């Protein structure tokens, strides 16, 4: 099995729709650190699991310096973002979304 991991940073803003009062319900921003893990039993014709540049572009082109409430069709929690990012990248099996120094959400496909 071959594995790759791409780490990137995106900046953006969002507000959360929550069932309880929270300052996160107001528009605010983060510099998210996103780690994308992909795997494959075989390499593509170029000898890669996936092109690091393509992985980065797929996510940054949609999310970087955006209002995530206008881009994503769901409540933009770190957990939901991790799942969505995983669905955007071929061969992706795990995504970590670090929202702040101490807050990380992880989505991993169970196989």
PDB file of N, CA and C in Angstrom:
ATOM      1  N   UNK A   1       0.851  -1.177   0.000  1.00  0.00           N
ATOM      2  CA  UNK A   1       0.000   0.000   0.000  1.00  0.00           C
ATOM      3  C   UNK A   1       0.896   1.238   0.000  1.00  0.00           C
ATOM      4  N   UNK A   2       0.513   2.211  -0.812  1.00  0.00           N
ATOM      5  CA  UNK A   2       1.212   3.497  -0.859  1.00  0.00           C
ATOM      6  C   UNK A   2       0.359   4.533  -0.143  1.00  0.00           C
ATOM      7  N   UNK A   3       1.016   5.439   0.572  1.00  0.00           N
ATOM      8  CA  UNK A   3       0.328   6.486   1.315  1.00  0.00           C
ATOM      9  C   UNK A   3       0.958   7.838   1.007  1.00  0.00           C
ATOM     10  N   UNK A   4       0.130   8.876   0.939  1.00  0.00           N
ATOM     11  CA  UNK A   4       0.619  10.249   0.881  1.00  0.00           C
ATOM     12  C   UNK A   4      -0.174  11.079   1.880  1.00  0.00           C
ATOM     13  N   UNK A   5       0.445  12.181   2.287  1.00  0.00           N
ATOM     14  CA  UNK A   5      -0.237  13.121   3.182  1.00  0.00           C
ATOM     15  C   UNK A   5       0.086  14.527   2.700  1.00  0.00           C
ATOM     16  N   UNK A   6      -0.946  15.313   2.464  1.00  0.00           N
ATOM     17  CA  UNK A   6      -0.797  16.704   2.042  1.00  0.00           C
ATOM     18  C   UNK A   6      -1.332  17.597   3.148  1.00  0.00           C
ATOM     19  N   UNK A   7      -0.508  18.537   3.575  1.00  0.00           N
ATOM     20  CA  UNK A   7      -0.897  19.500   4.611  1.00  0.00           C
ATOM     21  C   UNK A   7      -0.976  20.874   3.974  1.00  0.00           C
ATOM     22  N   UNK A   8      -2.031  21.616   4.283  1.00  0.00           N
ATOM     23  CA  UNK A   8      -2.208  22.953   3.721  1.00  0.00           C
ATOM     24  C   UNK A   8      -2.927  23.833   4.725  1.00  0.00           C
ATOM     25  N   UNK A   9      -2.882  25.120   4.479  1.00  0.00           N
ATOM     26  CA  UNK A   9      -3.592  26.078   5.320  1.00  0.00           C
ATOM     27  C   UNK A   9      -4.553  26.865   4.451  1.00  0.00           C
ATOM     28  N   UNK A  10      -5.753  27.046   4.958  1.00  0.00           N
ATOM     29  CA  UNK A  10      -6.720  27.909   4.280  1.00  0.00           C
ATOM     30  C   UNK A  10      -7.228  28.935   5.282  1.00  0.00           C
ATOM     31  N   UNK A  11      -7.550  30.098   4.776  1.00  0.00           N
ATOM     32  CA  UNK A  11      -8.143  31.153   5.592  1.00  0.00           C
ATOM     33  C   UNK A  11      -9.573  31.353   5.118  1.00  0.00           C
ATOM     34  N   UNK A  12     -10.459  31.585   6.042  1.00  0.00           N
ATOM     35  CA  UNK A  12     -11.838  31.814   5.657  1.00  0.00           C
ATOM     36  C   UNK A  12     -12.663  32.209   6.859  1.00  0.00           C
ATOM     37  N   UNK A  13     -13.925  32.481   6.592  1.00  0.00           N
ATOM     38  CA  UNK A  13     -14.844  32.826   7.671  1.00  0.00           C
ATOM     39  C   UNK A  13     -16.087  31.957   7.575  1.00  0.00           C
ATOM     40  N   UNK A  14     -16.795  31.884   8.684  1.00  0.00           N
ATOM     41  CA  UNK A  14     -18.062  31.152   8.727  1.00  0.00           C
ATOM     42  C   UNK A  14     -18.799  31.524  10.006  1.00  0.00           C
ATOM     43  N   UNK A  15     -20.021  31.133  10.053  1.00  0.00           N
ATOM     44  CA  UNK A  15     -20.801  31.173  11.289  1.00  0.00           C
ATOM     45  C   UNK A  15     -21.514  29.840  11.376  1.00  0.00           C
ATOM     46  N   UNK A  16     -21.702  29.370  12.583  1.00  0.00           N
ATOM     47  CA  UNK A  16     -22.322  28.067  12.771  1.00  0.00           C
ATOM     48  C   UNK A  16     -23.776  28.213  13.202  1.00  0.00           C
ATOM     49  N   UNK A  17     -24.601  27.316  12.744  1.00  0.00           N
ATOM     50  CA  UNK A  17     -25.984  27.223  13.187  1.00  0.00           C
ATOM     51  C   UNK A  17     -26.010  26.155  14.265  1.00  0.00           C
ATOM     52  N   UNK A  18     -26.254  26.578  15.503  1.00  0.00           N
ATOM     53  CA  UNK A  18     -26.174  25.665  16.638  1.00  0.00           C
ATOM     54  C   UNK A  18     -27.485  25.653  17.417  1.00  0.00           C
ATOM     55  N   UNK A  19     -27.676  24.593  18.175  1.00  0.00           N
ATOM     56  CA  UNK A  19     -28.911  24.450  18.962  1.00  0.00           C
ATOM     57  C   UNK A  19     -28.799  25.102  20.329  1.00  0.00           C
ATOM     58  N   UNK A  20     -27.719  25.840  20.562  1.00  0.00           N
ATOM     59  CA  UNK A  20     -27.488  26.499  21.848  1.00  0.00           C
ATOM     60  C   UNK A  20     -26.795  27.833  21.587  1.00  0.00           C
ATOM     61  N   UNK A  21     -26.878  28.777  22.517  1.00  0.00           N
ATOM     62  CA  UNK A  21     -26.213  30.068  22.332  1.00  0.00           C
ATOM     63  C   UNK A  21     -24.692  29.893  22.291  1.00  0.00           C
ATOM     64  N   UNK A  22     -24.052  30.544  21.326  1.00  0.00           N
ATOM     65  CA  UNK A  22     -22.602  30.427  21.190  1.00  0.00           C
ATOM     66  C   UNK A  22     -22.059  31.615  20.411  1.00  0.00           C
ATOM     67  N   UNK A  23     -20.879  32.075  20.776  1.00  0.00           N
ATOM     68  CA  UNK A  23     -20.240  33.140  20.001  1.00  0.00           C
ATOM     69  C   UNK A  23     -19.921  32.669  18.592  1.00  0.00           C
ATOM     70  N   UNK A  24     -19.855  31.364  18.368  1.00  0.00           N
ATOM     71  CA  UNK A  24     -19.566  30.823  17.034  1.00  0.00           C
ATOM     72  C   UNK A  24     -20.737  30.995  16.069  1.00  0.00           C
ATOM     73  N   UNK A  25     -21.881  31.411  16.585  1.00  0.00           N
ATOM     74  CA  UNK A  25     -23.029  31.694  15.720  1.00  0.00           C
ATOM     75  C   UNK A  25     -22.854  33.012  14.974  1.00  0.00           C
ATOM     76  N   UNK A  26     -21.898  33.826  15.438  1.00  0.00           N
ATOM     77  CA  UNK A  26     -21.574  35.075  14.741  1.00  0.00           C
ATOM     78  C   UNK A  26     -20.484  34.806  13.708  1.00  0.00           C
ATOM     79  N   UNK A  27     -20.467  35.596  12.661  1.00  0.00           N
ATOM     80  CA  UNK A  27     -19.448  35.447  11.628  1.00  0.00           C
ATOM     81  C   UNK A  27     -18.068  35.667  12.241  1.00  0.00           C
ATOM     82  N   UNK A  28     -17.157  34.732  11.986  1.00  0.00           N
ATOM     83  CA  UNK A  28     -15.791  34.804  12.501  1.00  0.00           C
ATOM     84  C   UNK A  28     -14.867  34.034  11.555  1.00  0.00           C
ATOM     85  N   UNK A  29     -13.581  34.186  11.741  1.00  0.00           N
ATOM     86  CA  UNK A  29     -12.637  33.556  10.827  1.00  0.00           C
ATOM     87  C   UNK A  29     -11.645  32.648  11.516  1.00  0.00           C
ATOM     88  N   UNK A  30     -11.014  31.812  10.697  1.00  0.00           N
ATOM     89  CA  UNK A  30      -9.971  30.893  11.154  1.00  0.00           C
ATOM     90  C   UNK A  30      -8.923  30.777  10.058  1.00  0.00           C
ATOM     91  N   UNK A  31      -7.757  30.345  10.456  1.00  0.00           N
ATOM     92  CA  UNK A  31      -6.769  29.810   9.531  1.00  0.00           C
ATOM     93  C   UNK A  31      -6.734  28.313   9.816  1.00  0.00           C
ATOM     94  N   UNK A  32      -7.485  27.554   9.024  1.00  0.00           N
ATOM     95  CA  UNK A  32      -7.564  26.121   9.212  1.00  0.00           C
ATOM     96  C   UNK A  32      -6.308  25.458   8.664  1.00  0.00           C
ATOM     97  N   UNK A  33      -5.811  24.449   9.367  1.00  0.00           N
ATOM     98  CA  UNK A  33      -4.750  23.595   8.850  1.00  0.00           C
ATOM     99  C   UNK A  33      -5.401  22.257   8.516  1.00  0.00           C
ATOM    100  N   UNK A  34      -5.275  21.876   7.268  1.00  0.00           N
ATOM    101  CA  UNK A  34      -5.937  20.677   6.768  1.00  0.00           C
ATOM    102  C   UNK A  34      -4.881  19.664   6.346  1.00  0.00           C
ATOM    103  N   UNK A  35      -5.027  18.445   6.831  1.00  0.00           N
ATOM    104  CA  UNK A  35      -4.154  17.343   6.424  1.00  0.00           C
ATOM    105  C   UNK A  35      -5.004  16.300   5.712  1.00  0.00           C
ATOM    106  N   UNK A  36      -4.612  15.971   4.502  1.00  0.00           N
ATOM    107  CA  UNK A  36      -5.352  15.038   3.655  1.00  0.00           C
ATOM    108  C   UNK A  36      -4.484  13.802   3.434  1.00  0.00           C
ATOM    109  N   UNK A  37      -5.020  12.645   3.760  1.00  0.00           N
ATOM    110  CA  UNK A  37      -4.292  11.384   3.608  1.00  0.00           C
ATOM    111  C   UNK A  37      -4.960  10.534   2.535  1.00  0.00           C
ATOM    112  N   UNK A  38      -4.150  10.060   1.604  1.00  0.00           N
ATOM    113  CA  UNK A  38      -4.639   9.216   0.512  1.00  0.00           C
ATOM    114  C   UNK A  38      -3.823   7.931   0.484  1.00  0.00           C
ATOM    115  N   UNK A  39      -4.431   6.886  -0.056  1.00  0.00           N
ATOM    116  CA  UNK A  39      -3.712   5.626  -0.194  1.00  0.00           C
ATOM    117  C   UNK A  39      -4.176   4.901  -1.447  1.00  0.00           C
ATOM    118  N   UNK A  40      -3.291   4.054  -1.935  1.00  0.00           N
ATOM    119  CA  UNK A  40      -3.616   3.254  -3.115  1.00  0.00           C
ATOM    120  C   UNK A  40      -2.711   2.024  -3.151  1.00  0.00           C
ATOM    121  N   UNK A  41      -3.268   0.920  -3.605  1.00  0.00           N
ATOM    122  CA  UNK A  41      -2.463  -0.296  -3.759  1.00  0.00           C
ATOM    123  C   UNK A  41      -1.518  -0.173  -4.941  1.00  0.00           C
ATOM    124  N   UNK A  42      -1.911   0.648  -5.909  1.00  0.00           N
ATOM    125  CA  UNK A  42      -1.084   0.814  -7.103  1.00  0.00           C
ATOM    126  C   UNK A  42      -0.906   2.294  -7.403  1.00  0.00           C
ATOM    127  N   UNK A  43       0.212   2.623  -7.999  1.00  0.00           N
ATOM    128  CA  UNK A  43       0.488   3.996  -8.405  1.00  0.00           C
ATOM    129  C   UNK A  43      -0.105   4.255  -9.775  1.00  0.00           C
ATOM    130  N   UNK A  44      -0.409   5.522 -10.051  1.00  0.00           N
ATOM    131  CA  UNK A  44      -0.938   5.869 -11.369  1.00  0.00           C
ATOM    132  C   UNK A  44       0.191   5.836 -12.405  1.00  0.00           C
ATOM    133  N   UNK A  45      -0.112   6.170 -13.634  1.00  0.00           N
ATOM    134  CA  UNK A  45       0.870   6.107 -14.723  1.00  0.00           C
ATOM    135  C   UNK A  45       2.074   7.018 -14.482  1.00  0.00           C
ATOM    136  N   UNK A  46       1.896   8.033 -13.640  1.00  0.00           N
ATOM    137  CA  UNK A  46       2.993   8.954 -13.327  1.00  0.00           C
ATOM    138  C   UNK A  46       3.781   8.520 -12.091  1.00  0.00           C
ATOM    139  N   UNK A  47       3.426   7.380 -11.520  1.00  0.00           N
ATOM    140  CA  UNK A  47       4.129   6.895 -10.346  1.00  0.00           C
ATOM    141  C   UNK A  47       3.690   7.541  -9.053  1.00  0.00           C
ATOM    142  N   UNK A  48       2.420   7.982  -8.986  1.00  0.00           N
ATOM    143  CA  UNK A  48       1.904   8.689  -7.813  1.00  0.00           C
ATOM    144  C   UNK A  48       0.601   8.066  -7.326  1.00  0.00           C
ATOM    145  N   UNK A  49       0.324   8.251  -6.041  1.00  0.00           N
ATOM    146  CA  UNK A  49      -1.014   7.992  -5.515  1.00  0.00           C
ATOM    147  C   UNK A  49      -1.922   9.108  -6.009  1.00  0.00           C
ATOM    148  N   UNK A  50      -1.469  10.346  -5.849  1.00  0.00           N
ATOM    149  CA  UNK A  50      -2.166  11.538  -6.317  1.00  0.00           C
ATOM    150  C   UNK A  50      -1.137  12.659  -6.402  1.00  0.00           C
ATOM    151  N   UNK A  51      -1.382  13.607  -7.255  1.00  0.00           N
ATOM    152  CA  UNK A  51      -0.482  14.749  -7.398  1.00  0.00           C
ATOM    153  C   UNK A  51      -0.735  15.716  -6.240  1.00  0.00           C
ATOM    154  N   UNK A  52       0.309  16.030  -5.461  1.00  0.00           N
ATOM    155  CA  UNK A  52       0.154  16.924  -4.318  1.00  0.00           C
ATOM    156  C   UNK A  52      -0.443  18.268  -4.725  1.00  0.00           C
ATOM    157  N   UNK A  53      -0.012  18.794  -5.863  1.00  0.00           N
ATOM    158  CA  UNK A  53      -0.511  20.085  -6.329  1.00  0.00           C
ATOM    159  C   UNK A  53      -1.999  20.019  -6.641  1.00  0.00           C
ATOM    160  N   UNK A  54      -2.436  18.933  -7.261  1.00  0.00           N
ATOM    161  CA  UNK A  54      -3.860  18.782  -7.586  1.00  0.00           C
ATOM    162  C   UNK A  54      -4.702  18.658  -6.323  1.00  0.00           C
ATOM    163  N   UNK A  55      -4.205  17.917  -5.344  1.00  0.00           N
ATOM    164  CA  UNK A  55      -4.923  17.772  -4.070  1.00  0.00           C
ATOM    165  C   UNK A  55      -5.122  19.148  -3.439  1.00  0.00           C
ATOM    166  N   UNK A  56      -4.054  19.918  -3.376  1.00  0.00           N
ATOM    167  CA  UNK A  56      -4.121  21.260  -2.788  1.00  0.00           C
ATOM    168  C   UNK A  56      -5.090  22.160  -3.561  1.00  0.00           C
ATOM    169  N   UNK A  57      -4.987  22.142  -4.870  1.00  0.00           N
ATOM    170  CA  UNK A  57      -5.820  23.018  -5.703  1.00  0.00           C
ATOM    171  C   UNK A  57      -7.306  22.698  -5.564  1.00  0.00           C
ATOM    172  N   UNK A  58      -7.645  21.430  -5.482  1.00  0.00           N
ATOM    173  CA  UNK A  58      -9.065  21.046  -5.365  1.00  0.00           C
ATOM    174  C   UNK A  58      -9.721  21.665  -4.142  1.00  0.00           C
ATOM    175  N   UNK A  59      -8.960  21.763  -3.054  1.00  0.00           N
ATOM    176  CA  UNK A  59      -9.523  22.291  -1.811  1.00  0.00           C
ATOM    177  C   UNK A  59      -9.337  23.799  -1.718  1.00  0.00           C
ATOM    178  N   UNK A  60      -8.128  24.284  -1.939  1.00  0.00           N
ATOM    179  CA  UNK A  60      -7.880  25.722  -1.805  1.00  0.00           C
ATOM    180  C   UNK A  60      -8.704  26.542  -2.789  1.00  0.00           C
ATOM    181  N   UNK A  61      -8.894  26.050  -3.985  1.00  0.00           N
ATOM    182  CA  UNK A  61      -9.651  26.826  -4.980  1.00  0.00           C
ATOM    183  C   UNK A  61     -11.094  27.049  -4.549  1.00  0.00           C
ATOM    184  N   UNK A  62     -11.623  26.165  -3.715  1.00  0.00           N
ATOM    185  CA  UNK A  62     -13.009  26.293  -3.274  1.00  0.00           C
ATOM    186  C   UNK A  62     -13.156  26.970  -1.909  1.00  0.00           C
ATOM    187  N   UNK A  63     -12.184  26.766  -1.016  1.00  0.00           N
ATOM    188  CA  UNK A  63     -12.374  27.197   0.368  1.00  0.00           C
ATOM    189  C   UNK A  63     -11.510  28.368   0.809  1.00  0.00           C
ATOM    190  N   UNK A  64     -10.336  28.564   0.219  1.00  0.00           N
ATOM    191  CA  UNK A  64      -9.413  29.569   0.722  1.00  0.00           C
ATOM    192  C   UNK A  64      -9.949  30.982   0.512  1.00  0.00           C
ATOM    193  N   UNK A  65      -9.919  31.791   1.559  1.00  0.00           N
ATOM    194  CA  UNK A  65     -10.403  33.174   1.567  1.00  0.00           C
ATOM    195  C   UNK A  65     -11.866  33.275   1.121  1.00  0.00           C
ATOM    196  N   UNK A  66     -12.658  32.313   1.592  1.00  0.00           N
ATOM    197  CA  UNK A  66     -14.080  32.284   1.256  1.00  0.00           C
ATOM    198  C   UNK A  66     -14.917  32.380   2.525  1.00  0.00           C
ATOM    199  N   UNK A  67     -16.167  32.798   2.331  1.00  0.00           N
ATOM    200  CA  UNK A  67     -17.168  32.669   3.377  1.00  0.00           C
ATOM    201  C   UNK A  67     -17.736  31.264   3.209  1.00  0.00           C
ATOM    202  N   UNK A  68     -17.394  30.372   4.102  1.00  0.00           N
ATOM    203  CA  UNK A  68     -17.762  28.963   3.943  1.00  0.00           C
ATOM    204  C   UNK A  68     -19.269  28.749   3.956  1.00  0.00           C
ATOM    205  N   UNK A  69     -20.004  29.645   4.575  1.00  0.00           N
ATOM    206  CA  UNK A  69     -21.472  29.537   4.546  1.00  0.00           C
ATOM    207  C   UNK A  69     -22.024  29.738   3.141  1.00  0.00           C
ATOM    208  N   UNK A  70     -21.279  30.433   2.295  1.00  0.00           N
ATOM    209  CA  UNK A  70     -21.711  30.653   0.913  1.00  0.00           C
ATOM    210  C   UNK A  70     -21.220  29.563  -0.030  1.00  0.00           C
ATOM    211  N   UNK A  71     -20.263  28.773   0.402  1.00  0.00           N
ATOM    212  CA  UNK A  71     -19.629  27.771  -0.460  1.00  0.00           C
ATOM    213  C   UNK A  71     -20.110  26.354  -0.156  1.00  0.00           C
ATOM    214  N   UNK A  72     -20.278  26.037   1.102  1.00  0.00           N
ATOM    215  CA  UNK A  72     -20.603  24.670   1.514  1.00  0.00           C
ATOM    216  C   UNK A  72     -22.101  24.515   1.777  1.00  0.00           C
ATOM    217  N   UNK A  73     -22.676  23.390   1.366  1.00  0.00           N
ATOM    218  CA  UNK A  73     -24.126  23.185   1.498  1.00  0.00           C
ATOM    219  C   UNK A  73     -24.545  22.564   2.836  1.00  0.00           C
ATOM    220  N   UNK A  74     -23.779  22.842   3.898  1.00  0.00           N
ATOM    221  CA  UNK A  74     -24.065  22.270   5.210  1.00  0.00           C
ATOM    222  C   UNK A  74     -23.506  23.190   6.287  1.00  0.00           C
ATOM    223  N   UNK A  75     -23.837  22.925   7.530  1.00  0.00           N
ATOM    224  CA  UNK A  75     -23.295  23.667   8.660  1.00  0.00           C
ATOM    225  C   UNK A  75     -21.788  23.414   8.701  1.00  0.00           C
ATOM    226  N   UNK A  76     -21.002  24.459   8.576  1.00  0.00           N
ATOM    227  CA  UNK A  76     -19.560  24.316   8.331  1.00  0.00           C
ATOM    228  C   UNK A  76     -18.741  24.061   9.602  1.00  0.00           C
ATOM    229  N   UNK A  77     -19.129  23.034  10.335  1.00  0.00           N
ATOM    230  CA  UNK A  77     -18.322  22.595  11.474  1.00  0.00           C
ATOM    231  C   UNK A  77     -17.055  21.934  10.927  1.00  0.00           C
ATOM    232  N   UNK A  78     -16.032  21.844  11.746  1.00  0.00           N
ATOM    233  CA  UNK A  78     -14.794  21.184  11.329  1.00  0.00           C
ATOM    234  C   UNK A  78     -15.055  19.719  10.970  1.00  0.00           C
ATOM    235  N   UNK A  79     -15.976  19.080  11.682  1.00  0.00           N
ATOM    236  CA  UNK A  79     -16.303  17.679  11.396  1.00  0.00           C
ATOM    237  C   UNK A  79     -16.926  17.525  10.012  1.00  0.00           C
ATOM    238  N   UNK A  80     -17.904  18.386   9.708  1.00  0.00           N
ATOM    239  CA  UNK A  80     -18.536  18.329   8.395  1.00  0.00           C
ATOM    240  C   UNK A  80     -17.552  18.683   7.280  1.00  0.00           C
ATOM    241  N   UNK A  81     -16.683  19.649   7.545  1.00  0.00           N
ATOM    242  CA  UNK A  81     -15.679  20.023   6.553  1.00  0.00           C
ATOM    243  C   UNK A  81     -14.739  18.856   6.264  1.00  0.00           C
ATOM    244  N   UNK A  82     -14.330  18.138   7.307  1.00  0.00           N
ATOM    245  CA  UNK A  82     -13.421  17.004   7.125  1.00  0.00           C
ATOM    246  C   UNK A  82     -14.050  15.940   6.228  1.00  0.00           C
ATOM    247  N   UNK A  83     -15.305  15.615   6.460  1.00  0.00           N
ATOM    248  CA  UNK A  83     -15.993  14.623   5.626  1.00  0.00           C
ATOM    249  C   UNK A  83     -16.088  15.101   4.187  1.00  0.00           C
ATOM    250  N   UNK A  84     -16.494  16.352   3.980  1.00  0.00           N
ATOM    251  CA  UNK A  84     -16.650  16.911   2.638  1.00  0.00           C
ATOM    252  C   UNK A  84     -15.321  16.912   1.888  1.00  0.00           C
ATOM    253  N   UNK A  85     -14.247  17.323   2.550  1.00  0.00           N
ATOM    254  CA  UNK A  85     -12.934  17.347   1.905  1.00  0.00           C
ATOM    255  C   UNK A  85     -12.540  15.940   1.479  1.00  0.00           C
ATOM    256  N   UNK A  86     -12.768  14.964   2.330  1.00  0.00           N
ATOM    257  CA  UNK A  86     -12.447  13.573   2.003  1.00  0.00           C
ATOM    258  C   UNK A  86     -13.187  13.130   0.737  1.00  0.00           C
ATOM    259  N   UNK A  87     -14.420  13.544   0.593  1.00  0.00           N
ATOM    260  CA  UNK A  87     -15.225  13.171  -0.575  1.00  0.00           C
ATOM    261  C   UNK A  87     -14.747  13.838  -1.865  1.00  0.00           C
ATOM    262  N   UNK A  88     -13.988  14.922  -1.772  1.00  0.00           N
ATOM    263  CA  UNK A  88     -13.532  15.662  -2.948  1.00  0.00           C
ATOM    264  C   UNK A  88     -12.263  15.082  -3.566  1.00  0.00           C
ATOM    265  N   UNK A  89     -11.523  14.259  -2.831  1.00  0.00           N
ATOM    266  CA  UNK A  89     -10.192  13.824  -3.234  1.00  0.00           C
ATOM    267  C   UNK A  89     -10.180  12.316  -3.511  1.00  0.00           C
ATOM    268  N   UNK A  90      -9.825  11.913  -4.737  1.00  0.00           N
ATOM    269  CA  UNK A  90      -9.719  10.477  -5.020  1.00  0.00           C
ATOM    270  C   UNK A  90      -8.684   9.809  -4.109  1.00  0.00           C
ATOM    271  N   UNK A  91      -8.969   8.614  -3.682  1.00  0.00           N
ATOM    272  CA  UNK A  91      -8.106   7.792  -2.838  1.00  0.00           C
ATOM    273  C   UNK A  91      -7.961   8.329  -1.414  1.00  0.00           C
ATOM    274  N   UNK A  92      -8.722   9.365  -1.050  1.00  0.00           N
ATOM    275  CA  UNK A  92      -8.630   9.925   0.293  1.00  0.00           C
ATOM    276  C   UNK A  92      -9.342   8.996   1.274  1.00  0.00           C
ATOM    277  N   UNK A  93      -8.709   8.764   2.421  1.00  0.00           N
ATOM    278  CA  UNK A  93      -9.317   7.930   3.446  1.00  0.00           C
ATOM    279  C   UNK A  93      -9.346   8.619   4.811  1.00  0.00           C
ATOM    280  N   UNK A  94      -8.606   9.740   4.947  1.00  0.00           N
ATOM    281  CA  UNK A  94      -8.558  10.424   6.246  1.00  0.00           C
ATOM    282  C   UNK A  94      -8.281  11.911   6.032  1.00  0.00           C
ATOM    283  N   UNK A  95      -9.010  12.746   6.776  1.00  0.00           N
ATOM    284  CA  UNK A  95      -8.792  14.194   6.740  1.00  0.00           C
ATOM    285  C   UNK A  95      -8.810  14.714   8.168  1.00  0.00           C
ATOM    286  N   UNK A  96      -7.843  15.568   8.470  1.00  0.00           N
ATOM    287  CA  UNK A  96      -7.792  16.257   9.749  1.00  0.00           C
ATOM    288  C   UNK A  96      -7.988  17.748   9.482  1.00  0.00           C
ATOM    289  N   UNK A  97      -8.897  18.355  10.201  1.00  0.00           N
ATOM    290  CA  UNK A  97      -9.151  19.790  10.080  1.00  0.00           C
ATOM    291  C   UNK A  97      -8.870  20.413  11.438  1.00  0.00           C
ATOM    292  N   UNK A  98      -7.799  21.197  11.500  1.00  0.00           N
ATOM    293  CA  UNK A  98      -7.432  21.895  12.732  1.00  0.00           C
ATOM    294  C   UNK A  98      -7.964  23.309  12.641  1.00  0.00           C
ATOM    295  N   UNK A  99      -8.913  23.598  13.506  1.00  0.00           N
ATOM    296  CA  UNK A  99      -9.591  24.891  13.479  1.00  0.00           C
ATOM    297  C   UNK A  99      -8.832  25.934  14.293  1.00  0.00           C
ATOM    298  N   UNK A 100      -8.207  25.495  15.363  1.00  0.00           N
ATOM    299  CA  UNK A 100      -7.397  26.365  16.207  1.00  0.00           C
ATOM    300  C   UNK A 100      -6.364  25.483  16.888  1.00  0.00           C
ATOM    301  N   UNK A 101      -5.519  26.082  17.686  1.00  0.00           N
ATOM    302  CA  UNK A 101      -4.401  25.347  18.291  1.00  0.00           C
ATOM    303  C   UNK A 101      -4.827  24.047  18.966  1.00  0.00           C
ATOM    304  N   UNK A 102      -5.927  24.068  19.676  1.00  0.00           N
ATOM    305  CA  UNK A 102      -6.322  22.883  20.431  1.00  0.00           C
ATOM    306  C   UNK A 102      -7.520  22.129  19.892  1.00  0.00           C
ATOM    307  N   UNK A 103      -8.030  22.505  18.725  1.00  0.00           N
ATOM    308  CA  UNK A 103      -9.258  21.905  18.215  1.00  0.00           C
ATOM    309  C   UNK A 103      -9.032  21.263  16.851  1.00  0.00           C
ATOM    310  N   UNK A 104      -9.135  19.929  16.809  1.00  0.00           N
ATOM    311  CA  UNK A 104      -8.936  19.178  15.574  1.00  0.00           C
ATOM    312  C   UNK A 104     -10.095  18.211  15.402  1.00  0.00           C
ATOM    313  N   UNK A 105     -10.664  18.189  14.200  1.00  0.00           N
ATOM    314  CA  UNK A 105     -11.692  17.196  13.852  1.00  0.00           C
ATOM    315  C   UNK A 105     -11.091  16.248  12.817  1.00  0.00           C
ATOM    316  N   UNK A 106     -11.403  14.982  12.950  1.00  0.00           N
ATOM    317  CA  UNK A 106     -10.873  13.957  12.054  1.00  0.00           C
ATOM    318  C   UNK A 106     -12.021  13.165  11.461  1.00  0.00           C
ATOM    319  N   UNK A 107     -11.954  12.965  10.152  1.00  0.00           N
ATOM    320  CA  UNK A 107     -12.890  12.071   9.463  1.00  0.00           C
ATOM    321  C   UNK A 107     -12.059  10.986   8.814  1.00  0.00           C
ATOM    322  N   UNK A 108     -12.444   9.742   9.047  1.00  0.00           N
ATOM    323  CA  UNK A 108     -11.719   8.626   8.446  1.00  0.00           C
ATOM    324  C   UNK A 108     -12.712   7.597   7.952  1.00  0.00           C
ATOM    325  N   UNK A 109     -12.485   7.116   6.756  1.00  0.00           N
ATOM    326  CA  UNK A 109     -13.343   6.094   6.159  1.00  0.00           C
ATOM    327  C   UNK A 109     -12.998   4.760   6.799  1.00  0.00           C
ATOM    328  N   UNK A 110     -14.002   4.072   7.334  1.00  0.00           N
ATOM    329  CA  UNK A 110     -13.808   2.726   7.881  1.00  0.00           C
ATOM    330  C   UNK A 110     -13.867   1.720   6.746  1.00  0.00           C
ATOM    331  N   UNK A 111     -12.904   0.850   6.722  1.00  0.00           N
ATOM    332  CA  UNK A 111     -12.918  -0.187   5.678  1.00  0.00           C
ATOM    333  C   UNK A 111     -12.857  -1.542   6.281  1.00  0.00           C
TER     334      UNK A 111
END
